[in-house]
Amino acid sequence: MYCDDPELSYPSLKSLQKHLDEMYTYIRNNKMMIPNYGEMRRYGEPVSTALWNPRSMK
């Protein structure tokens, strides 16, 4: 990720760059474990992990 655009004037730019790089690395390394909720919804799979009890809907 690149945040070295001269138009950016953020006082903590180096810290932001470091955190964005870490986030990008985390997502890249764990992309197989991150669910694609849009795809799940298109195939009719449940998206929520909450338990649904029809009796509690009184």
PDB file of N, CA and C in Angstrom:
ATOM      1  N   MET A   1       0.841  -1.165   0.000  1.00  0.00           N
ATOM      2  CA  MET A   1       0.000   0.000   0.000  1.00  0.00           C
ATOM      3  C   MET A   1       0.893   1.238   0.000  1.00  0.00           C
ATOM      4  N   TYR A   2       0.445   2.256  -0.696  1.00  0.00           N
ATOM      5  CA  TYR A   2       1.252   3.460  -0.818  1.00  0.00           C
ATOM      6  C   TYR A   2       0.486   4.672  -0.308  1.00  0.00           C
ATOM      7  N   CYS A   3       1.100   5.384   0.609  1.00  0.00           N
ATOM      8  CA  CYS A   3       0.507   6.604   1.152  1.00  0.00           C
ATOM      9  C   CYS A   3       1.492   7.750   1.012  1.00  0.00           C
ATOM     10  N   ASP A   4       2.314   7.718  -0.019  1.00  0.00           N
ATOM     11  CA  ASP A   4       3.326   8.755  -0.155  1.00  0.00           C
ATOM     12  C   ASP A   4       2.932   9.833  -1.164  1.00  0.00           C
ATOM     13  N   ASP A   5       1.652   9.974  -1.411  1.00  0.00           N
ATOM     14  CA  ASP A   5       1.164  11.020  -2.304  1.00  0.00           C
ATOM     15  C   ASP A   5       1.480  12.379  -1.683  1.00  0.00           C
ATOM     16  N   PRO A   6       2.113  13.289  -2.437  1.00  0.00           N
ATOM     17  CA  PRO A   6       2.474  14.588  -1.862  1.00  0.00           C
ATOM     18  C   PRO A   6       1.273  15.410  -1.396  1.00  0.00           C
ATOM     19  N   GLU A   7       0.089  15.105  -1.900  1.00  0.00           N
ATOM     20  CA  GLU A   7      -1.090  15.863  -1.479  1.00  0.00           C
ATOM     21  C   GLU A   7      -1.592  15.437  -0.106  1.00  0.00           C
ATOM     22  N   LEU A   8      -1.144  14.289   0.371  1.00  0.00           N
ATOM     23  CA  LEU A   8      -1.542  13.840   1.702  1.00  0.00           C
ATOM     24  C   LEU A   8      -0.742  14.614   2.744  1.00  0.00           C
ATOM     25  N   SER A   9      -1.425  15.267   3.630  1.00  0.00           N
ATOM     26  CA  SER A   9      -0.741  15.971   4.717  1.00  0.00           C
ATOM     27  C   SER A   9      -1.335  15.489   6.029  1.00  0.00           C
ATOM     28  N   TYR A  10      -0.925  14.313   6.423  1.00  0.00           N
ATOM     29  CA  TYR A  10      -1.410  13.702   7.655  1.00  0.00           C
ATOM     30  C   TYR A  10      -0.231  13.628   8.612  1.00  0.00           C
ATOM     31  N   PRO A  11      -0.361  14.157   9.823  1.00  0.00           N
ATOM     32  CA  PRO A  11       0.789  14.217  10.728  1.00  0.00           C
ATOM     33  C   PRO A  11       1.374  12.847  11.087  1.00  0.00           C
ATOM     34  N   SER A  12       0.561  11.825  11.145  1.00  0.00           N
ATOM     35  CA  SER A  12       1.041  10.489  11.520  1.00  0.00           C
ATOM     36  C   SER A  12       1.063   9.571  10.310  1.00  0.00           C
ATOM     37  N   LEU A  13       1.537  10.070   9.191  1.00  0.00           N
ATOM     38  CA  LEU A  13       1.494   9.316   7.942  1.00  0.00           C
ATOM     39  C   LEU A  13       2.292   8.017   8.020  1.00  0.00           C
ATOM     40  N   LYS A  14       3.455   8.044   8.653  1.00  0.00           N
ATOM     41  CA  LYS A  14       4.275   6.828   8.749  1.00  0.00           C
ATOM     42  C   LYS A  14       3.572   5.762   9.581  1.00  0.00           C
ATOM     43  N   SER A  15       2.934   6.177  10.652  1.00  0.00           N
ATOM     44  CA  SER A  15       2.198   5.235  11.490  1.00  0.00           C
ATOM     45  C   SER A  15       1.012   4.652  10.725  1.00  0.00           C
ATOM     46  N   LEU A  16       0.301   5.508   9.994  1.00  0.00           N
ATOM     47  CA  LEU A  16      -0.819   5.040   9.180  1.00  0.00           C
ATOM     48  C   LEU A  16      -0.336   4.045   8.136  1.00  0.00           C
ATOM     49  N   GLN A  17       0.779   4.350   7.475  1.00  0.00           N
ATOM     50  CA  GLN A  17       1.350   3.461   6.462  1.00  0.00           C
ATOM     51  C   GLN A  17       1.671   2.098   7.067  1.00  0.00           C
ATOM     52  N   LYS A  18       2.279   2.102   8.245  1.00  0.00           N
ATOM     53  CA  LYS A  18       2.645   0.854   8.924  1.00  0.00           C
ATOM     54  C   LYS A  18       1.402   0.024   9.223  1.00  0.00           C
ATOM     55  N   HIS A  19       0.364   0.655   9.751  1.00  0.00           N
ATOM     56  CA  HIS A  19      -0.851  -0.069  10.103  1.00  0.00           C
ATOM     57  C   HIS A  19      -1.579  -0.586   8.861  1.00  0.00           C
ATOM     58  N   LEU A  20      -1.602   0.205   7.801  1.00  0.00           N
ATOM     59  CA  LEU A  20      -2.232  -0.256   6.561  1.00  0.00           C
ATOM     60  C   LEU A  20      -1.475  -1.433   5.965  1.00  0.00           C
ATOM     61  N   ASP A  21      -0.147  -1.393   6.025  1.00  0.00           N
ATOM     62  CA  ASP A  21       0.657  -2.514   5.532  1.00  0.00           C
ATOM     63  C   ASP A  21       0.383  -3.778   6.339  1.00  0.00           C
ATOM     64  N   GLU A  22       0.283  -3.635   7.666  1.00  0.00           N
ATOM     65  CA  GLU A  22      -0.011  -4.786   8.524  1.00  0.00           C
ATOM     66  C   GLU A  22      -1.394  -5.355   8.216  1.00  0.00           C
ATOM     67  N   MET A  23      -2.371  -4.474   8.011  1.00  0.00           N
ATOM     68  CA  MET A  23      -3.724  -4.935   7.702  1.00  0.00           C
ATOM     69  C   MET A  23      -3.753  -5.652   6.352  1.00  0.00           C
ATOM     70  N   TYR A  24      -3.070  -5.091   5.356  1.00  0.00           N
ATOM     71  CA  TYR A  24      -3.008  -5.713   4.036  1.00  0.00           C
ATOM     72  C   TYR A  24      -2.365  -7.095   4.127  1.00  0.00           C
ATOM     73  N   THR A  25      -1.275  -7.211   4.884  1.00  0.00           N
ATOM     74  CA  THR A  25      -0.594  -8.493   5.056  1.00  0.00           C
ATOM     75  C   THR A  25      -1.505  -9.496   5.753  1.00  0.00           C
ATOM     76  N   TYR A  26      -2.215  -9.060   6.792  1.00  0.00           N
ATOM     77  CA  TYR A  26      -3.131  -9.944   7.513  1.00  0.00           C
ATOM     78  C   TYR A  26      -4.219 -10.467   6.584  1.00  0.00           C
ATOM     79  N   ILE A  27      -4.829  -9.572   5.814  1.00  0.00           N
ATOM     80  CA  ILE A  27      -5.905  -9.985   4.906  1.00  0.00           C
ATOM     81  C   ILE A  27      -5.370 -10.928   3.838  1.00  0.00           C
ATOM     82  N   ARG A  28      -4.210 -10.607   3.273  1.00  0.00           N
ATOM     83  CA  ARG A  28      -3.615 -11.461   2.244  1.00  0.00           C
ATOM     84  C   ARG A  28      -3.308 -12.853   2.801  1.00  0.00           C
ATOM     85  N   ASN A  29      -2.773 -12.922   4.019  1.00  0.00           N
ATOM     86  CA  ASN A  29      -2.399 -14.207   4.611  1.00  0.00           C
ATOM     87  C   ASN A  29      -3.596 -15.017   5.095  1.00  0.00           C
ATOM     88  N   ASN A  30      -4.727 -14.353   5.360  1.00  0.00           N
ATOM     89  CA  ASN A  30      -5.886 -15.042   5.920  1.00  0.00           C
ATOM     90  C   ASN A  30      -7.100 -15.017   5.008  1.00  0.00           C
ATOM     91  N   LYS A  31      -6.918 -14.703   3.731  1.00  0.00           N
ATOM     92  CA  LYS A  31      -8.068 -14.535   2.841  1.00  0.00           C
ATOM     93  C   LYS A  31      -8.894 -15.810   2.692  1.00  0.00           C
ATOM     94  N   MET A  32      -8.302 -16.963   2.890  1.00  0.00           N
ATOM     95  CA  MET A  32      -9.065 -18.207   2.785  1.00  0.00           C
ATOM     96  C   MET A  32      -9.958 -18.426   4.008  1.00  0.00           C
ATOM     97  N   MET A  33      -9.680 -17.739   5.101  1.00  0.00           N
ATOM     98  CA  MET A  33     -10.460 -17.903   6.325  1.00  0.00           C
ATOM     99  C   MET A  33     -11.512 -16.805   6.504  1.00  0.00           C
ATOM    100  N   ILE A  34     -11.482 -15.778   5.665  1.00  0.00           N
ATOM    101  CA  ILE A  34     -12.422 -14.660   5.779  1.00  0.00           C
ATOM    102  C   ILE A  34     -13.628 -14.965   4.899  1.00  0.00           C
ATOM    103  N   PRO A  35     -14.821 -15.091   5.487  1.00  0.00           N
ATOM    104  CA  PRO A  35     -15.997 -15.456   4.688  1.00  0.00           C
ATOM    105  C   PRO A  35     -16.408 -14.359   3.714  1.00  0.00           C
ATOM    106  N   ASN A  36     -16.837 -14.772   2.535  1.00  0.00           N
ATOM    107  CA  ASN A  36     -17.364 -13.848   1.534  1.00  0.00           C
ATOM    108  C   ASN A  36     -18.880 -13.841   1.705  1.00  0.00           C
ATOM    109  N   TYR A  37     -19.372 -12.887   2.486  1.00  0.00           N
ATOM    110  CA  TYR A  37     -20.791 -12.861   2.815  1.00  0.00           C
ATOM    111  C   TYR A  37     -21.674 -12.630   1.598  1.00  0.00           C
ATOM    112  N   GLY A  38     -21.210 -11.862   0.632  1.00  0.00           N
ATOM    113  CA  GLY A  38     -21.989 -11.639  -0.586  1.00  0.00           C
ATOM    114  C   GLY A  38     -22.200 -12.929  -1.354  1.00  0.00           C
ATOM    115  N   GLU A  39     -21.151 -13.725  -1.473  1.00  0.00           N
ATOM    116  CA  GLU A  39     -21.259 -15.009  -2.171  1.00  0.00           C
ATOM    117  C   GLU A  39     -22.158 -15.972  -1.398  1.00  0.00           C
ATOM    118  N   MET A  40     -22.025 -15.983  -0.084  1.00  0.00           N
ATOM    119  CA  MET A  40     -22.867 -16.859   0.732  1.00  0.00           C
ATOM    120  C   MET A  40     -24.338 -16.503   0.547  1.00  0.00           C
ATOM    121  N   ARG A  41     -24.636 -15.222   0.525  1.00  0.00           N
ATOM    122  CA  ARG A  41     -26.024 -14.784   0.369  1.00  0.00           C
ATOM    123  C   ARG A  41     -26.571 -15.170  -1.002  1.00  0.00           C
ATOM    124  N   ARG A  42     -25.755 -15.015  -2.049  1.00  0.00           N
ATOM    125  CA  ARG A  42     -26.199 -15.365  -3.403  1.00  0.00           C
ATOM    126  C   ARG A  42     -26.546 -16.841  -3.522  1.00  0.00           C
ATOM    127  N   TYR A  43     -25.851 -17.690  -2.782  1.00  0.00           N
ATOM    128  CA  TYR A  43     -26.117 -19.125  -2.835  1.00  0.00           C
ATOM    129  C   TYR A  43     -27.132 -19.582  -1.789  1.00  0.00           C
ATOM    130  N   GLY A  44     -27.738 -18.631  -1.082  1.00  0.00           N
ATOM    131  CA  GLY A  44     -28.778 -18.959  -0.117  1.00  0.00           C
ATOM    132  C   GLY A  44     -28.264 -19.548   1.180  1.00  0.00           C
ATOM    133  N   GLU A  45     -26.986 -19.402   1.442  1.00  0.00           N
ATOM    134  CA  GLU A  45     -26.415 -19.926   2.681  1.00  0.00           C
ATOM    135  C   GLU A  45     -26.664 -18.930   3.814  1.00  0.00           C
ATOM    136  N   PRO A  46     -26.768 -19.411   5.042  1.00  0.00           N
ATOM    137  CA  PRO A  46     -26.971 -18.492   6.164  1.00  0.00           C
ATOM    138  C   PRO A  46     -25.737 -17.618   6.384  1.00  0.00           C
ATOM    139  N   VAL A  47     -25.965 -16.357   6.647  1.00  0.00           N
ATOM    140  CA  VAL A  47     -24.865 -15.423   6.854  1.00  0.00           C
ATOM    141  C   VAL A  47     -24.627 -15.205   8.338  1.00  0.00           C
ATOM    142  N   SER A  48     -25.673 -15.206   9.122  1.00  0.00           N
ATOM    143  CA  SER A  48     -25.563 -14.964  10.551  1.00  0.00           C
ATOM    144  C   SER A  48     -25.240 -16.252  11.288  1.00  0.00           C
ATOM    145  N   THR A  49     -24.488 -16.127  12.376  1.00  0.00           N
ATOM    146  CA  THR A  49     -24.216 -17.281  13.222  1.00  0.00           C
ATOM    147  C   THR A  49     -25.149 -17.303  14.428  1.00  0.00           C
ATOM    148  N   ALA A  50     -26.048 -16.315  14.509  1.00  0.00           N
ATOM    149  CA  ALA A  50     -26.991 -16.252  15.624  1.00  0.00           C
ATOM    150  C   ALA A  50     -28.004 -17.393  15.505  1.00  0.00           C
ATOM    151  N   LEU A  51     -28.346 -17.945  16.636  1.00  0.00           N
ATOM    152  CA  LEU A  51     -29.349 -19.011  16.649  1.00  0.00           C
ATOM    153  C   LEU A  51     -30.733 -18.383  16.591  1.00  0.00           C
ATOM    154  N   TRP A  52     -31.589 -18.937  15.770  1.00  0.00           N
ATOM    155  CA  TRP A  52     -32.938 -18.411  15.599  1.00  0.00           C
ATOM    156  C   TRP A  52     -33.920 -19.393  16.204  1.00  0.00           C
ATOM    157  N   ASN A  53     -34.764 -18.898  17.082  1.00  0.00           N
ATOM    158  CA  ASN A  53     -35.755 -19.734  17.738  1.00  0.00           C
ATOM    159  C   ASN A  53     -37.125 -19.112  17.476  1.00  0.00           C
ATOM    160  N   PRO A  54     -37.989 -19.788  16.691  1.00  0.00           N
ATOM    161  CA  PRO A  54     -39.294 -19.194  16.381  1.00  0.00           C
ATOM    162  C   PRO A  54     -40.154 -18.949  17.617  1.00  0.00           C
ATOM    163  N   ARG A  55     -39.959 -19.705  18.684  1.00  0.00           N
ATOM    164  CA  ARG A  55     -40.755 -19.516  19.899  1.00  0.00           C
ATOM    165  C   ARG A  55     -40.397 -18.218  20.610  1.00  0.00           C
ATOM    166  N   SER A  56     -39.190 -17.726  20.396  1.00  0.00           N
ATOM    167  CA  SER A  56     -38.782 -16.491  21.071  1.00  0.00           C
ATOM    168  C   SER A  56     -39.287 -15.251  20.343  1.00  0.00           C
ATOM    169  N   MET A  57     -39.967 -15.416  19.216  1.00  0.00           N
ATOM    170  CA  MET A  57     -40.463 -14.289  18.426  1.00  0.00           C
ATOM    171  C   MET A  57     -41.908 -13.960  18.786  1.00  0.00           C
ATOM    172  N   LYS A  58     -42.259 -13.996  20.064  1.00  0.00           N
ATOM    173  CA  LYS A  58     -43.634 -13.733  20.496  1.00  0.00           C
ATOM    174  C   LYS A  58     -43.884 -12.279  20.680  1.00  0.00           C
TER     175      LYS A  58
END
